[in-house]
């Protein structure tokens, strides 16, 4: 389920990237050929970039697209590597949940005070809400991976090791 939601968020991010490209191209055409710059494009493109970044966190994690450093962990036994993975997932979940809470509080404060953007007077809470939403989706994906990892640790010895990530039938990278 989380895999589908993450994939949907990544698809939205792709469409938003296309939208930003169209908006910026429109602004350039209007600025240089009609001498009528579009002020809203700079601000809106910045807000949409927030959606792309934080909306794609969970998909990046679930699909195995994040950066890993296997230099030290390759020499570990599968049991120790699985325990290290569980520990890092636990610490990572804690940190992501703390940042999610803080950004949610900031978003609520912006909503309560009615903060507006400087140029076009957009309500700032809307783009700010993309941050805790994306982080919450990321935390859920990490918690699911942690549960799978702990289940694997408590399972049969023949299946010890790191949980392989799969996204809708796609295989995880070989380095896992």
N, C-alpha and C. Protein backbone atom coordinates (compact mmCIF):
# COMPACT_ATOMS: atom_id res chain seq x y z
N UNK A 1 0.82 -1.20 0.00
CA UNK A 1 0.00 0.00 0.00
C UNK A 1 0.86 1.27 0.00
N UNK A 2 1.84 1.32 0.91
CA UNK A 2 2.70 2.50 0.97
C UNK A 2 3.50 2.64 -0.31
N UNK A 3 3.82 1.50 -0.94
CA UNK A 3 4.57 1.55 -2.19
C UNK A 3 3.76 2.26 -3.27
N UNK A 4 2.45 1.98 -3.32
CA UNK A 4 1.61 2.64 -4.32
C UNK A 4 1.47 4.13 -4.05
N UNK A 5 1.31 4.47 -2.78
CA UNK A 5 1.18 5.89 -2.43
C UNK A 5 2.48 6.63 -2.77
N UNK A 6 3.62 6.01 -2.45
CA UNK A 6 4.91 6.62 -2.75
C UNK A 6 5.10 6.78 -4.26
N UNK A 7 4.69 5.76 -4.99
CA UNK A 7 4.81 5.83 -6.45
C UNK A 7 3.89 6.92 -7.01
N UNK A 8 2.70 7.06 -6.43
CA UNK A 8 1.78 8.12 -6.85
C UNK A 8 2.35 9.50 -6.56
N UNK A 9 2.97 9.65 -5.39
CA UNK A 9 3.58 10.93 -5.04
C UNK A 9 4.73 11.26 -5.99
N UNK A 10 5.49 10.23 -6.39
CA UNK A 10 6.57 10.45 -7.35
C UNK A 10 6.02 10.83 -8.72
N UNK A 11 4.90 10.23 -9.10
CA UNK A 11 4.27 10.58 -10.38
C UNK A 11 3.79 12.04 -10.35
N UNK A 12 3.20 12.44 -9.24
CA UNK A 12 2.78 13.84 -9.08
C UNK A 12 4.01 14.75 -9.19
N UNK A 13 5.12 14.33 -8.57
CA UNK A 13 6.36 15.11 -8.66
C UNK A 13 6.84 15.26 -10.10
N UNK A 14 6.69 14.21 -10.88
CA UNK A 14 7.08 14.28 -12.29
C UNK A 14 6.20 15.23 -13.08
N UNK A 15 4.91 15.19 -12.83
CA UNK A 15 3.99 16.09 -13.51
C UNK A 15 4.26 17.53 -13.09
N UNK A 16 4.56 17.74 -11.81
CA UNK A 16 4.86 19.08 -11.32
C UNK A 16 6.16 19.60 -11.94
N UNK A 17 7.13 18.71 -12.15
CA UNK A 17 8.36 19.11 -12.84
C UNK A 17 8.06 19.62 -14.25
N UNK A 18 7.20 18.91 -14.94
CA UNK A 18 6.77 19.35 -16.27
C UNK A 18 6.05 20.69 -16.19
N UNK A 19 5.20 20.86 -15.19
CA UNK A 19 4.48 22.12 -15.01
C UNK A 19 5.45 23.27 -14.75
N UNK A 20 6.46 23.05 -13.93
CA UNK A 20 7.46 24.09 -13.66
C UNK A 20 8.18 24.47 -14.95
N UNK A 21 8.52 23.47 -15.75
CA UNK A 21 9.19 23.73 -17.02
C UNK A 21 8.33 24.59 -17.94
N UNK A 22 7.05 24.28 -18.02
CA UNK A 22 6.13 25.05 -18.86
C UNK A 22 5.99 26.48 -18.32
N UNK A 23 5.84 26.60 -16.99
CA UNK A 23 5.70 27.93 -16.39
C UNK A 23 6.93 28.81 -16.63
N UNK A 24 8.10 28.24 -16.44
CA UNK A 24 9.33 29.03 -16.63
C UNK A 24 9.51 29.38 -18.11
N UNK A 25 9.19 28.46 -19.00
CA UNK A 25 9.28 28.76 -20.43
C UNK A 25 8.31 29.88 -20.81
N UNK A 26 7.11 29.83 -20.24
CA UNK A 26 6.12 30.89 -20.48
C UNK A 26 6.65 32.23 -19.97
N UNK A 27 7.24 32.22 -18.79
CA UNK A 27 7.78 33.46 -18.22
C UNK A 27 8.90 34.02 -19.10
N UNK A 28 9.77 33.17 -19.58
CA UNK A 28 10.88 33.63 -20.43
C UNK A 28 10.33 34.21 -21.73
N UNK A 29 9.38 33.54 -22.34
CA UNK A 29 8.78 34.06 -23.58
C UNK A 29 8.11 35.41 -23.35
N UNK A 30 7.36 35.52 -22.28
CA UNK A 30 6.67 36.78 -21.99
C UNK A 30 7.66 37.89 -21.64
N UNK A 31 8.72 37.54 -20.94
CA UNK A 31 9.69 38.55 -20.50
C UNK A 31 10.49 39.10 -21.69
N UNK A 32 10.96 38.23 -22.56
CA UNK A 32 11.88 38.67 -23.61
C UNK A 32 11.21 39.04 -24.92
N UNK A 33 10.01 38.54 -25.17
CA UNK A 33 9.38 38.85 -26.44
C UNK A 33 8.23 39.84 -26.31
N UNK A 34 7.58 39.91 -25.16
CA UNK A 34 6.46 40.81 -24.98
C UNK A 34 6.77 41.88 -23.93
N UNK A 35 7.90 41.71 -23.25
CA UNK A 35 8.32 42.62 -22.18
C UNK A 35 7.26 42.70 -21.07
N UNK A 36 6.74 41.53 -20.71
CA UNK A 36 5.74 41.45 -19.64
C UNK A 36 6.09 40.26 -18.73
N UNK A 37 7.02 40.46 -17.82
CA UNK A 37 7.42 39.34 -16.95
C UNK A 37 6.26 38.87 -16.07
N UNK A 38 6.23 37.61 -15.83
CA UNK A 38 5.20 37.00 -15.00
C UNK A 38 5.75 36.81 -13.59
N UNK A 39 5.37 37.66 -12.68
CA UNK A 39 5.93 37.65 -11.33
C UNK A 39 5.57 36.38 -10.55
N UNK A 40 4.41 35.81 -10.82
CA UNK A 40 3.97 34.66 -10.05
C UNK A 40 4.79 33.41 -10.33
N UNK A 41 5.46 33.34 -11.47
CA UNK A 41 6.15 32.12 -11.87
C UNK A 41 7.32 31.81 -10.93
N UNK A 42 8.12 32.80 -10.60
CA UNK A 42 9.27 32.55 -9.72
C UNK A 42 8.82 32.00 -8.37
N UNK A 43 7.80 32.62 -7.83
CA UNK A 43 7.32 32.21 -6.51
C UNK A 43 6.64 30.84 -6.57
N UNK A 44 5.79 30.65 -7.55
CA UNK A 44 5.07 29.38 -7.67
C UNK A 44 6.02 28.22 -7.96
N UNK A 45 7.02 28.45 -8.80
CA UNK A 45 7.99 27.40 -9.11
C UNK A 45 8.76 26.99 -7.85
N UNK A 46 9.09 27.94 -7.01
CA UNK A 46 9.78 27.62 -5.75
C UNK A 46 8.92 26.77 -4.85
N UNK A 47 7.65 27.08 -4.76
CA UNK A 47 6.74 26.31 -3.92
C UNK A 47 6.53 24.90 -4.48
N UNK A 48 6.45 24.81 -5.78
CA UNK A 48 6.26 23.50 -6.40
C UNK A 48 7.51 22.63 -6.26
N UNK A 49 8.68 23.24 -6.19
CA UNK A 49 9.89 22.47 -5.95
C UNK A 49 9.87 21.80 -4.59
N UNK A 50 9.25 22.43 -3.62
CA UNK A 50 9.09 21.83 -2.30
C UNK A 50 8.27 20.55 -2.42
N UNK A 51 7.21 20.59 -3.21
CA UNK A 51 6.39 19.40 -3.44
C UNK A 51 7.20 18.29 -4.08
N UNK A 52 8.02 18.63 -5.05
CA UNK A 52 8.84 17.62 -5.73
C UNK A 52 9.81 16.96 -4.75
N UNK A 53 10.49 17.77 -3.98
CA UNK A 53 11.52 17.26 -3.07
C UNK A 53 10.92 16.38 -1.98
N UNK A 54 9.95 16.90 -1.26
CA UNK A 54 9.42 16.16 -0.12
C UNK A 54 8.42 15.09 -0.54
N UNK A 55 7.77 15.26 -1.67
CA UNK A 55 6.87 14.23 -2.17
C UNK A 55 7.61 13.00 -2.68
N UNK A 56 8.86 13.18 -3.08
CA UNK A 56 9.63 12.06 -3.62
C UNK A 56 10.48 11.32 -2.60
N UNK A 57 10.49 11.76 -1.35
CA UNK A 57 11.32 11.10 -0.34
C UNK A 57 10.95 9.64 -0.16
N UNK A 58 9.67 9.35 0.03
CA UNK A 58 9.24 7.98 0.28
C UNK A 58 9.53 7.08 -0.92
N UNK A 59 9.28 7.60 -2.12
CA UNK A 59 9.55 6.79 -3.32
C UNK A 59 11.04 6.49 -3.45
N UNK A 60 11.85 7.47 -3.17
CA UNK A 60 13.30 7.26 -3.23
C UNK A 60 13.73 6.19 -2.25
N UNK A 61 13.17 6.21 -1.06
CA UNK A 61 13.51 5.21 -0.04
C UNK A 61 13.01 3.83 -0.44
N UNK A 62 11.74 3.75 -0.85
CA UNK A 62 11.14 2.45 -1.16
C UNK A 62 11.79 1.81 -2.39
N UNK A 63 12.16 2.63 -3.36
CA UNK A 63 12.75 2.08 -4.58
C UNK A 63 14.26 1.81 -4.45
N UNK A 64 14.84 2.19 -3.32
CA UNK A 64 16.27 1.94 -3.12
C UNK A 64 17.14 2.95 -3.83
N UNK A 65 16.62 4.12 -4.11
CA UNK A 65 17.37 5.14 -4.84
C UNK A 65 18.24 6.01 -3.96
N UNK A 66 18.22 5.78 -2.65
CA UNK A 66 19.03 6.59 -1.75
C UNK A 66 20.48 6.13 -1.79
N UNK A 67 21.37 6.95 -1.30
CA UNK A 67 22.79 6.67 -1.32
C UNK A 67 23.14 5.75 -0.15
N UNK A 68 23.91 4.72 -0.44
CA UNK A 68 24.37 3.79 0.60
C UNK A 68 25.87 3.73 0.57
N UNK A 69 26.44 3.52 1.72
CA UNK A 69 27.88 3.34 1.82
C UNK A 69 28.10 1.92 2.34
N UNK A 70 28.48 1.02 1.43
CA UNK A 70 28.65 -0.38 1.79
C UNK A 70 30.09 -0.72 2.16
N UNK A 71 30.95 0.26 2.16
CA UNK A 71 32.35 0.01 2.42
C UNK A 71 32.58 -0.69 3.75
N UNK A 72 31.91 -0.23 4.80
CA UNK A 72 32.09 -0.82 6.13
C UNK A 72 31.17 -2.01 6.37
N UNK A 73 29.99 -2.00 5.79
CA UNK A 73 29.02 -3.06 6.09
C UNK A 73 29.25 -4.34 5.29
N UNK A 74 30.02 -4.30 4.23
CA UNK A 74 30.25 -5.52 3.44
C UNK A 74 31.00 -6.58 4.22
N UNK A 75 31.82 -6.16 5.16
CA UNK A 75 32.60 -7.13 5.93
C UNK A 75 31.80 -7.71 7.10
N UNK A 76 30.61 -7.19 7.38
CA UNK A 76 29.80 -7.69 8.48
C UNK A 76 29.06 -8.96 8.09
N UNK A 77 28.78 -9.79 9.10
CA UNK A 77 27.96 -10.98 8.85
C UNK A 77 26.53 -10.55 8.55
N UNK A 78 25.74 -11.41 7.92
CA UNK A 78 24.35 -11.03 7.61
C UNK A 78 23.55 -10.66 8.86
N UNK A 79 23.81 -11.33 9.98
CA UNK A 79 23.08 -11.02 11.21
C UNK A 79 23.42 -9.61 11.69
N UNK A 80 24.69 -9.29 11.72
CA UNK A 80 25.10 -7.95 12.17
C UNK A 80 24.64 -6.87 11.20
N UNK A 81 24.68 -7.18 9.92
CA UNK A 81 24.20 -6.21 8.93
C UNK A 81 22.70 -5.97 9.11
N UNK A 82 21.95 -7.02 9.39
CA UNK A 82 20.50 -6.88 9.61
C UNK A 82 20.23 -6.09 10.89
N UNK A 83 21.00 -6.33 11.93
CA UNK A 83 20.83 -5.58 13.18
C UNK A 83 21.19 -4.10 12.98
N UNK A 84 22.26 -3.85 12.24
CA UNK A 84 22.66 -2.47 11.96
C UNK A 84 21.59 -1.77 11.15
N UNK A 85 21.02 -2.48 10.19
CA UNK A 85 19.94 -1.90 9.37
C UNK A 85 18.74 -1.55 10.24
N UNK A 86 18.37 -2.45 11.15
CA UNK A 86 17.25 -2.19 12.05
C UNK A 86 17.54 -0.98 12.94
N UNK A 87 18.76 -0.90 13.45
CA UNK A 87 19.14 0.23 14.31
C UNK A 87 19.10 1.54 13.54
N UNK A 88 19.66 1.56 12.34
CA UNK A 88 19.67 2.80 11.56
C UNK A 88 18.25 3.19 11.13
N UNK A 89 17.41 2.21 10.84
CA UNK A 89 16.02 2.53 10.52
C UNK A 89 15.30 3.12 11.72
N UNK A 90 15.57 2.58 12.91
CA UNK A 90 14.95 3.09 14.13
C UNK A 90 15.39 4.53 14.41
N UNK A 91 16.68 4.79 14.31
CA UNK A 91 17.20 6.14 14.54
C UNK A 91 16.67 7.09 13.45
N UNK A 92 16.69 6.64 12.21
CA UNK A 92 16.19 7.47 11.11
C UNK A 92 14.72 7.81 11.27
N UNK A 93 13.92 6.83 11.68
CA UNK A 93 12.49 7.08 11.91
C UNK A 93 12.30 8.12 13.00
N UNK A 94 13.06 7.99 14.06
CA UNK A 94 12.96 8.96 15.15
C UNK A 94 13.28 10.37 14.68
N UNK A 95 14.36 10.51 13.94
CA UNK A 95 14.75 11.84 13.45
C UNK A 95 13.73 12.41 12.47
N UNK A 96 13.24 11.57 11.56
CA UNK A 96 12.26 12.05 10.58
C UNK A 96 10.96 12.44 11.27
N UNK A 97 10.55 11.69 12.28
CA UNK A 97 9.32 12.03 13.00
C UNK A 97 9.47 13.34 13.78
N UNK A 98 10.65 13.58 14.34
CA UNK A 98 10.89 14.85 15.04
C UNK A 98 10.81 16.03 14.05
N UNK A 99 11.47 15.89 12.92
CA UNK A 99 11.44 16.96 11.91
C UNK A 99 10.02 17.15 11.37
N UNK A 100 9.29 16.05 11.21
CA UNK A 100 7.90 16.14 10.76
C UNK A 100 7.07 16.94 11.75
N UNK A 101 7.23 16.65 13.04
CA UNK A 101 6.48 17.36 14.07
C UNK A 101 6.81 18.87 14.06
N UNK A 102 8.07 19.20 13.97
CA UNK A 102 8.48 20.60 13.98
C UNK A 102 7.94 21.34 12.76
N UNK A 103 8.06 20.73 11.60
CA UNK A 103 7.56 21.40 10.39
C UNK A 103 6.03 21.49 10.39
N UNK A 104 5.36 20.51 10.99
CA UNK A 104 3.91 20.59 11.12
C UNK A 104 3.52 21.76 12.02
N UNK A 105 4.24 21.94 13.10
CA UNK A 105 3.96 23.07 14.00
C UNK A 105 4.19 24.40 13.29
N UNK A 106 5.23 24.49 12.49
CA UNK A 106 5.50 25.71 11.73
C UNK A 106 4.38 25.98 10.72
N UNK A 107 3.91 24.93 10.08
CA UNK A 107 2.82 25.07 9.11
C UNK A 107 1.54 25.53 9.79
N UNK A 108 1.24 24.96 10.94
CA UNK A 108 0.04 25.36 11.68
C UNK A 108 0.16 26.82 12.14
N UNK A 109 1.34 27.22 12.56
CA UNK A 109 1.56 28.61 12.96
C UNK A 109 1.34 29.56 11.78
N UNK A 110 1.86 29.19 10.61
CA UNK A 110 1.66 30.02 9.42
C UNK A 110 0.18 30.12 9.07
N UNK A 111 -0.55 29.03 9.25
CA UNK A 111 -1.99 29.05 8.99
C UNK A 111 -2.71 29.94 9.99
N UNK A 112 -2.37 29.78 11.27
CA UNK A 112 -3.02 30.57 12.33
C UNK A 112 -2.81 32.07 12.16
N UNK A 113 -1.60 32.46 11.77
CA UNK A 113 -1.30 33.88 11.62
C UNK A 113 -1.66 34.42 10.23
N UNK A 114 -2.06 33.54 9.33
CA UNK A 114 -2.44 33.99 8.00
C UNK A 114 -1.28 34.53 7.19
N UNK A 115 -0.09 33.93 7.35
CA UNK A 115 1.09 34.41 6.62
C UNK A 115 0.90 34.26 5.12
N UNK A 116 1.33 35.28 4.40
CA UNK A 116 1.21 35.30 2.95
C UNK A 116 2.58 35.48 2.31
N UNK A 117 2.68 35.04 1.06
CA UNK A 117 3.94 35.21 0.34
C UNK A 117 4.16 36.69 0.02
N UNK A 118 5.39 37.02 -0.28
CA UNK A 118 5.76 38.42 -0.44
C UNK A 118 5.26 39.02 -1.75
N UNK A 119 5.28 38.28 -2.83
CA UNK A 119 4.98 38.86 -4.14
C UNK A 119 3.50 38.74 -4.51
N UNK A 120 2.99 37.55 -4.52
CA UNK A 120 1.64 37.33 -5.02
C UNK A 120 0.61 37.04 -3.93
N UNK A 121 1.02 37.12 -2.69
CA UNK A 121 0.13 36.97 -1.53
C UNK A 121 -0.55 35.60 -1.47
N UNK A 122 0.18 34.55 -1.84
CA UNK A 122 -0.32 33.19 -1.66
C UNK A 122 -0.28 32.86 -0.17
N UNK A 123 -1.19 32.04 0.32
CA UNK A 123 -1.07 31.60 1.72
C UNK A 123 0.13 30.66 1.85
N UNK A 124 1.04 30.98 2.74
CA UNK A 124 2.28 30.21 2.87
C UNK A 124 2.09 28.84 3.49
N UNK A 125 1.00 28.64 4.22
CA UNK A 125 0.81 27.35 4.87
C UNK A 125 0.63 26.23 3.84
N UNK A 126 0.11 26.54 2.66
CA UNK A 126 -0.13 25.50 1.67
C UNK A 126 1.17 24.85 1.17
N UNK A 127 2.15 25.63 0.67
CA UNK A 127 3.40 24.96 0.29
C UNK A 127 4.16 24.41 1.49
N UNK A 128 3.99 25.06 2.66
CA UNK A 128 4.66 24.55 3.85
C UNK A 128 4.09 23.20 4.27
N UNK A 129 2.84 22.94 3.96
CA UNK A 129 2.21 21.67 4.32
C UNK A 129 2.81 20.50 3.55
N UNK A 130 3.40 20.77 2.38
CA UNK A 130 4.03 19.68 1.62
C UNK A 130 5.20 19.06 2.39
N UNK A 131 5.85 19.84 3.22
CA UNK A 131 7.02 19.34 3.95
C UNK A 131 6.63 18.29 4.98
N UNK A 132 5.73 18.58 5.94
CA UNK A 132 5.38 17.52 6.89
C UNK A 132 4.64 16.34 6.25
N UNK A 133 3.86 16.61 5.20
CA UNK A 133 3.17 15.50 4.53
C UNK A 133 4.17 14.54 3.88
N UNK A 134 5.13 15.11 3.16
CA UNK A 134 6.15 14.27 2.53
C UNK A 134 7.01 13.54 3.55
N UNK A 135 7.36 14.23 4.63
CA UNK A 135 8.15 13.60 5.68
C UNK A 135 7.37 12.51 6.40
N UNK A 136 6.06 12.72 6.61
CA UNK A 136 5.24 11.70 7.25
C UNK A 136 5.15 10.45 6.38
N UNK A 137 4.99 10.64 5.08
CA UNK A 137 4.97 9.50 4.16
C UNK A 137 6.30 8.76 4.19
N UNK A 138 7.38 9.51 4.24
CA UNK A 138 8.72 8.93 4.35
C UNK A 138 8.87 8.14 5.65
N UNK A 139 8.38 8.70 6.76
CA UNK A 139 8.46 8.01 8.06
C UNK A 139 7.65 6.72 8.05
N UNK A 140 6.49 6.75 7.42
CA UNK A 140 5.68 5.53 7.34
C UNK A 140 6.42 4.46 6.54
N UNK A 141 7.03 4.85 5.43
CA UNK A 141 7.79 3.89 4.63
C UNK A 141 8.96 3.31 5.43
N UNK A 142 9.61 4.16 6.22
CA UNK A 142 10.72 3.68 7.05
C UNK A 142 10.22 2.75 8.16
N UNK A 143 9.09 3.06 8.76
CA UNK A 143 8.53 2.21 9.81
C UNK A 143 8.13 0.84 9.26
N UNK A 144 7.58 0.82 8.05
CA UNK A 144 7.25 -0.46 7.42
C UNK A 144 8.51 -1.26 7.14
N UNK A 145 9.55 -0.59 6.64
CA UNK A 145 10.82 -1.29 6.41
C UNK A 145 11.41 -1.79 7.72
N UNK A 146 11.28 -1.02 8.79
CA UNK A 146 11.76 -1.44 10.11
C UNK A 146 11.00 -2.67 10.59
N UNK A 147 9.68 -2.67 10.43
CA UNK A 147 8.88 -3.83 10.84
C UNK A 147 9.28 -5.07 10.05
N UNK A 148 9.50 -4.92 8.75
CA UNK A 148 9.94 -6.05 7.93
C UNK A 148 11.32 -6.55 8.35
N UNK A 149 12.18 -5.59 8.68
CA UNK A 149 13.54 -5.96 9.10
C UNK A 149 13.50 -6.70 10.45
N UNK A 150 12.71 -6.23 11.38
CA UNK A 150 12.59 -6.90 12.68
C UNK A 150 11.97 -8.28 12.53
N UNK A 151 10.99 -8.41 11.64
CA UNK A 151 10.39 -9.72 11.37
C UNK A 151 11.43 -10.68 10.80
N UNK A 152 12.28 -10.16 9.94
CA UNK A 152 13.33 -10.99 9.35
C UNK A 152 14.35 -11.39 10.42
N UNK A 153 14.69 -10.48 11.32
CA UNK A 153 15.63 -10.79 12.40
C UNK A 153 15.09 -11.89 13.32
N UNK A 154 13.78 -11.91 13.53
CA UNK A 154 13.17 -12.92 14.40
C UNK A 154 12.77 -14.17 13.66
N UNK A 155 13.00 -14.21 12.37
CA UNK A 155 12.61 -15.36 11.56
C UNK A 155 13.69 -16.43 11.52
N UNK A 156 13.59 -17.32 10.54
CA UNK A 156 14.56 -18.40 10.41
C UNK A 156 15.96 -17.87 10.10
N UNK A 157 16.96 -18.58 10.60
CA UNK A 157 18.36 -18.15 10.40
C UNK A 157 18.76 -18.12 8.93
N UNK A 158 18.14 -18.95 8.11
CA UNK A 158 18.50 -19.00 6.69
C UNK A 158 18.12 -17.73 5.94
N UNK A 159 17.18 -16.96 6.49
CA UNK A 159 16.71 -15.75 5.81
C UNK A 159 17.27 -14.48 6.44
N UNK A 160 18.28 -14.60 7.29
CA UNK A 160 18.83 -13.40 7.93
C UNK A 160 19.51 -12.51 6.90
N UNK A 161 19.55 -11.25 7.17
CA UNK A 161 20.16 -10.26 6.29
C UNK A 161 19.24 -9.07 6.19
N UNK A 162 19.56 -8.19 5.28
CA UNK A 162 18.75 -7.00 5.08
C UNK A 162 17.53 -7.33 4.25
N UNK A 163 16.45 -6.64 4.54
CA UNK A 163 15.23 -6.80 3.76
C UNK A 163 15.44 -6.16 2.40
N UNK A 164 15.12 -6.90 1.36
CA UNK A 164 15.22 -6.34 0.02
C UNK A 164 13.98 -5.49 -0.26
N UNK A 165 14.21 -4.34 -0.81
CA UNK A 165 13.10 -3.44 -1.13
C UNK A 165 12.56 -3.80 -2.50
N UNK A 166 11.25 -3.85 -2.61
CA UNK A 166 10.62 -4.09 -3.90
C UNK A 166 9.48 -3.10 -4.08
N UNK A 167 9.34 -2.63 -5.28
CA UNK A 167 8.30 -1.67 -5.59
C UNK A 167 7.49 -2.17 -6.76
N UNK A 168 6.30 -2.65 -6.49
CA UNK A 168 5.38 -3.12 -7.52
C UNK A 168 6.03 -4.12 -8.46
N UNK A 169 6.69 -5.09 -7.92
CA UNK A 169 7.31 -6.13 -8.72
C UNK A 169 8.69 -5.80 -9.23
N UNK A 170 9.13 -4.56 -9.10
CA UNK A 170 10.47 -4.20 -9.53
C UNK A 170 11.47 -4.74 -8.53
N UNK A 171 12.58 -5.22 -9.00
CA UNK A 171 13.61 -5.74 -8.11
C UNK A 171 14.48 -4.62 -7.58
N UNK A 172 14.95 -4.80 -6.37
CA UNK A 172 15.82 -3.82 -5.75
C UNK A 172 17.19 -3.87 -6.41
N UNK A 173 17.98 -2.83 -6.26
CA UNK A 173 19.33 -2.85 -6.79
C UNK A 173 20.15 -4.00 -6.21
N UNK A 174 21.11 -4.49 -6.98
CA UNK A 174 21.91 -5.64 -6.58
C UNK A 174 22.73 -5.39 -5.31
N UNK A 175 23.03 -4.13 -5.00
CA UNK A 175 23.91 -3.84 -3.87
C UNK A 175 23.23 -4.14 -2.54
N UNK A 176 21.92 -4.31 -2.51
CA UNK A 176 21.24 -4.62 -1.26
C UNK A 176 21.45 -6.05 -0.96
